[in-house]
Amino acid sequence: MPTVRLGNKAALDRGQVIEGNQVTTMNVLDEDDLATRIRTITHADGLWPRMSSAPPAWVECDDPELEAALAEQFGCPVGRPKKWAVA
């Protein structure tokens, strides 16, 4: 099951933006094709719009094809910047 992490500058909690940078993690199903995985995350009724009110700052994923597709879809870089490093 691929794990996707996105840099979230406008994370939502009950529709309200949480201040500060967050890392949002989500999983998509192995059996879904690439197009379905992307739709699950990016579509207006998908996961990301429920979790953020802004595009992601970056993307990282253990599935390189999905990672590249999400970076292109969102127009964000691949890889977590050092300032977003896990403490």
N, C-alpha and C. Protein backbone atom coordinates (compact mmCIF):
# COMPACT_ATOMS: atom_id res chain seq x y z
N MET A 1 0.86 -1.17 0.00
CA MET A 1 0.00 0.00 0.00
C MET A 1 0.90 1.24 0.00
N PRO A 2 0.90 2.02 -1.08
CA PRO A 2 1.74 3.21 -1.14
C PRO A 2 1.38 4.23 -0.06
N THR A 3 2.42 4.81 0.50
CA THR A 3 2.27 5.88 1.49
C THR A 3 2.68 7.19 0.85
N VAL A 4 1.82 8.18 0.95
CA VAL A 4 2.06 9.52 0.40
C VAL A 4 2.17 10.49 1.56
N ARG A 5 3.18 11.34 1.52
CA ARG A 5 3.33 12.42 2.50
C ARG A 5 3.36 13.74 1.73
N LEU A 6 2.57 14.70 2.23
CA LEU A 6 2.47 16.00 1.58
C LEU A 6 2.71 17.11 2.59
N GLY A 7 3.50 18.10 2.18
CA GLY A 7 3.72 19.27 3.02
C GLY A 7 2.47 20.13 3.03
N ASN A 8 1.89 20.30 4.20
CA ASN A 8 0.59 20.94 4.32
C ASN A 8 0.74 22.27 5.08
N LYS A 9 0.63 23.37 4.33
CA LYS A 9 0.73 24.71 4.92
C LYS A 9 -0.60 25.25 5.42
N ALA A 10 -1.69 24.54 5.11
CA ALA A 10 -3.03 25.01 5.48
C ALA A 10 -3.90 23.82 5.87
N ALA A 11 -3.41 23.03 6.81
CA ALA A 11 -4.15 21.85 7.26
C ALA A 11 -5.48 22.25 7.87
N LEU A 12 -6.48 21.42 7.63
CA LEU A 12 -7.83 21.70 8.12
C LEU A 12 -8.18 20.80 9.30
N ASP A 13 -8.87 21.39 10.26
CA ASP A 13 -9.44 20.67 11.39
C ASP A 13 -10.87 21.18 11.53
N ARG A 14 -11.82 20.33 11.16
CA ARG A 14 -13.24 20.71 11.19
C ARG A 14 -13.50 21.97 10.37
N GLY A 15 -12.82 22.06 9.23
CA GLY A 15 -13.02 23.17 8.32
C GLY A 15 -12.22 24.41 8.64
N GLN A 16 -11.49 24.42 9.75
CA GLN A 16 -10.68 25.57 10.16
C GLN A 16 -9.20 25.28 9.89
N VAL A 17 -8.48 26.27 9.40
CA VAL A 17 -7.06 26.11 9.11
C VAL A 17 -6.27 26.09 10.41
N ILE A 18 -5.38 25.10 10.52
CA ILE A 18 -4.47 24.99 11.66
C ILE A 18 -3.22 25.78 11.31
N GLU A 19 -2.75 26.61 12.20
CA GLU A 19 -1.54 27.39 11.94
C GLU A 19 -0.31 26.50 11.99
N GLY A 20 0.66 26.84 11.14
CA GLY A 20 1.92 26.11 11.11
C GLY A 20 1.95 25.03 10.04
N ASN A 21 3.14 24.58 9.76
CA ASN A 21 3.34 23.55 8.75
C ASN A 21 3.08 22.17 9.32
N GLN A 22 2.37 21.36 8.56
CA GLN A 22 2.04 20.00 8.95
C GLN A 22 2.51 19.05 7.85
N VAL A 23 2.72 17.80 8.19
CA VAL A 23 2.96 16.76 7.21
C VAL A 23 1.72 15.87 7.23
N THR A 24 1.05 15.80 6.10
CA THR A 24 -0.15 14.98 5.98
C THR A 24 0.23 13.67 5.31
N THR A 25 -0.13 12.56 5.94
CA THR A 25 0.19 11.23 5.44
C THR A 25 -1.10 10.52 5.06
N MET A 26 -1.07 9.86 3.92
CA MET A 26 -2.22 9.08 3.47
C MET A 26 -1.75 7.85 2.72
N ASN A 27 -2.61 6.87 2.65
CA ASN A 27 -2.32 5.64 1.92
C ASN A 27 -3.36 5.46 0.82
N VAL A 28 -2.93 4.85 -0.27
CA VAL A 28 -3.84 4.49 -1.36
C VAL A 28 -3.73 2.99 -1.60
N LEU A 29 -4.73 2.43 -2.21
CA LEU A 29 -4.81 0.99 -2.38
C LEU A 29 -3.86 0.46 -3.45
N ASP A 30 -3.25 -0.69 -3.16
CA ASP A 30 -2.38 -1.36 -4.13
C ASP A 30 -3.12 -1.71 -5.41
N GLU A 31 -4.36 -2.15 -5.27
CA GLU A 31 -5.09 -2.64 -6.43
C GLU A 31 -5.59 -1.53 -7.36
N ASP A 32 -5.55 -0.28 -6.91
CA ASP A 32 -5.97 0.82 -7.77
C ASP A 32 -4.88 1.17 -8.78
N ASP A 33 -5.29 1.52 -9.99
CA ASP A 33 -4.31 1.95 -10.99
C ASP A 33 -3.88 3.39 -10.67
N LEU A 34 -2.89 3.87 -11.40
CA LEU A 34 -2.32 5.20 -11.12
C LEU A 34 -3.37 6.30 -11.23
N ALA A 35 -4.20 6.25 -12.25
CA ALA A 35 -5.22 7.29 -12.43
C ALA A 35 -6.19 7.32 -11.24
N THR A 36 -6.57 6.17 -10.75
CA THR A 36 -7.49 6.10 -9.61
C THR A 36 -6.81 6.61 -8.35
N ARG A 37 -5.54 6.28 -8.16
CA ARG A 37 -4.80 6.76 -6.99
C ARG A 37 -4.74 8.29 -6.99
N ILE A 38 -4.43 8.86 -8.15
CA ILE A 38 -4.34 10.32 -8.25
C ILE A 38 -5.70 10.95 -7.97
N ARG A 39 -6.75 10.40 -8.56
CA ARG A 39 -8.09 10.93 -8.33
C ARG A 39 -8.48 10.85 -6.86
N THR A 40 -8.16 9.72 -6.22
CA THR A 40 -8.48 9.54 -4.80
C THR A 40 -7.90 10.65 -3.95
N ILE A 41 -6.73 11.13 -4.34
CA ILE A 41 -6.05 12.17 -3.56
C ILE A 41 -6.46 13.58 -4.00
N THR A 42 -6.51 13.83 -5.31
CA THR A 42 -6.60 15.21 -5.79
C THR A 42 -7.98 15.71 -6.17
N HIS A 43 -8.91 14.84 -6.46
CA HIS A 43 -10.23 15.28 -6.93
C HIS A 43 -10.92 16.14 -5.88
N ALA A 44 -11.86 16.94 -6.32
CA ALA A 44 -12.59 17.83 -5.40
C ALA A 44 -13.24 17.08 -4.25
N ASP A 45 -13.62 15.81 -4.47
CA ASP A 45 -14.18 15.00 -3.39
C ASP A 45 -13.16 14.01 -2.83
N GLY A 46 -11.89 14.25 -3.12
CA GLY A 46 -10.82 13.36 -2.69
C GLY A 46 -10.27 13.70 -1.31
N LEU A 47 -9.16 13.04 -0.99
CA LEU A 47 -8.56 13.17 0.33
C LEU A 47 -7.96 14.56 0.59
N TRP A 48 -7.17 15.06 -0.34
CA TRP A 48 -6.45 16.32 -0.09
C TRP A 48 -7.38 17.50 0.18
N PRO A 49 -8.42 17.72 -0.61
CA PRO A 49 -9.30 18.86 -0.31
C PRO A 49 -9.96 18.78 1.07
N ARG A 50 -10.06 17.60 1.62
CA ARG A 50 -10.62 17.46 2.97
C ARG A 50 -9.58 17.78 4.04
N MET A 51 -8.30 17.76 3.66
CA MET A 51 -7.23 17.90 4.63
C MET A 51 -6.49 19.23 4.54
N SER A 52 -6.73 20.00 3.48
CA SER A 52 -5.99 21.25 3.30
C SER A 52 -6.79 22.24 2.47
N SER A 53 -6.55 23.52 2.74
CA SER A 53 -7.19 24.56 1.94
C SER A 53 -6.22 25.18 0.94
N ALA A 54 -5.03 24.59 0.79
CA ALA A 54 -4.03 25.10 -0.14
C ALA A 54 -3.30 23.92 -0.79
N PRO A 55 -2.68 24.15 -1.94
CA PRO A 55 -1.89 23.08 -2.56
C PRO A 55 -0.74 22.66 -1.65
N PRO A 56 -0.25 21.43 -1.79
CA PRO A 56 0.86 21.01 -0.96
C PRO A 56 2.16 21.74 -1.32
N ALA A 57 3.03 21.86 -0.33
CA ALA A 57 4.33 22.51 -0.52
C ALA A 57 5.32 21.56 -1.18
N TRP A 58 5.13 20.25 -0.99
CA TRP A 58 6.02 19.22 -1.54
C TRP A 58 5.32 17.88 -1.42
N VAL A 59 5.87 16.87 -2.08
CA VAL A 59 5.33 15.51 -2.02
C VAL A 59 6.48 14.52 -1.90
N GLU A 60 6.25 13.46 -1.11
CA GLU A 60 7.16 12.32 -1.11
C GLU A 60 6.30 11.06 -1.00
N CYS A 61 6.75 10.01 -1.68
CA CYS A 61 5.96 8.79 -1.73
C CYS A 61 6.89 7.62 -1.99
N ASP A 62 6.54 6.44 -1.46
CA ASP A 62 7.35 5.26 -1.70
C ASP A 62 7.03 4.59 -3.04
N ASP A 63 6.16 5.20 -3.83
CA ASP A 63 5.86 4.77 -5.19
C ASP A 63 6.33 5.90 -6.12
N PRO A 64 7.48 5.74 -6.78
CA PRO A 64 8.04 6.82 -7.59
C PRO A 64 7.11 7.33 -8.69
N GLU A 65 6.35 6.45 -9.30
CA GLU A 65 5.43 6.87 -10.37
C GLU A 65 4.32 7.76 -9.80
N LEU A 66 3.75 7.36 -8.68
CA LEU A 66 2.72 8.17 -8.04
C LEU A 66 3.30 9.48 -7.54
N GLU A 67 4.49 9.44 -6.98
CA GLU A 67 5.15 10.64 -6.49
C GLU A 67 5.32 11.66 -7.61
N ALA A 68 5.83 11.22 -8.75
CA ALA A 68 6.04 12.12 -9.89
C ALA A 68 4.72 12.67 -10.41
N ALA A 69 3.70 11.82 -10.48
CA ALA A 69 2.40 12.26 -10.98
C ALA A 69 1.76 13.29 -10.06
N LEU A 70 1.87 13.09 -8.75
CA LEU A 70 1.31 14.05 -7.80
C LEU A 70 2.07 15.38 -7.85
N ALA A 71 3.39 15.32 -7.96
CA ALA A 71 4.18 16.55 -8.07
C ALA A 71 3.75 17.35 -9.29
N GLU A 72 3.52 16.66 -10.40
CA GLU A 72 3.07 17.34 -11.62
C GLU A 72 1.66 17.89 -11.44
N GLN A 73 0.78 17.08 -10.90
CA GLN A 73 -0.62 17.49 -10.71
C GLN A 73 -0.72 18.72 -9.81
N PHE A 74 0.02 18.71 -8.71
CA PHE A 74 -0.05 19.82 -7.75
C PHE A 74 0.91 20.96 -8.09
N GLY A 75 1.87 20.73 -8.97
CA GLY A 75 2.86 21.76 -9.29
C GLY A 75 3.79 22.03 -8.12
N CYS A 76 4.19 20.96 -7.42
CA CYS A 76 5.06 21.12 -6.26
C CYS A 76 6.29 20.23 -6.42
N PRO A 77 7.35 20.51 -5.67
CA PRO A 77 8.56 19.69 -5.79
C PRO A 77 8.42 18.32 -5.11
N VAL A 78 9.27 17.42 -5.57
CA VAL A 78 9.39 16.11 -4.94
C VAL A 78 10.42 16.21 -3.83
N GLY A 79 10.12 15.64 -2.69
CA GLY A 79 11.07 15.59 -1.58
C GLY A 79 10.78 16.60 -0.50
N ARG A 80 10.98 16.14 0.72
CA ARG A 80 10.75 16.97 1.90
C ARG A 80 11.94 17.90 2.12
N PRO A 81 11.71 19.21 2.15
CA PRO A 81 12.81 20.13 2.43
C PRO A 81 13.34 19.94 3.86
N LYS A 82 14.56 20.32 4.09
CA LYS A 82 15.18 20.16 5.41
C LYS A 82 14.39 20.86 6.51
N LYS A 83 13.80 22.01 6.20
CA LYS A 83 13.04 22.75 7.23
C LYS A 83 11.79 21.99 7.66
N TRP A 84 11.39 20.97 6.92
CA TRP A 84 10.24 20.14 7.27
C TRP A 84 10.68 18.82 7.89
N ALA A 85 11.94 18.69 8.22
CA ALA A 85 12.48 17.43 8.75
C ALA A 85 11.76 17.01 10.02
N VAL A 86 11.65 15.70 10.17
CA VAL A 86 11.04 15.15 11.37
C VAL A 86 12.03 15.28 12.52
N ALA A 87 11.56 15.78 13.64
CA ALA A 87 12.45 15.98 14.80
C ALA A 87 12.75 14.66 15.48
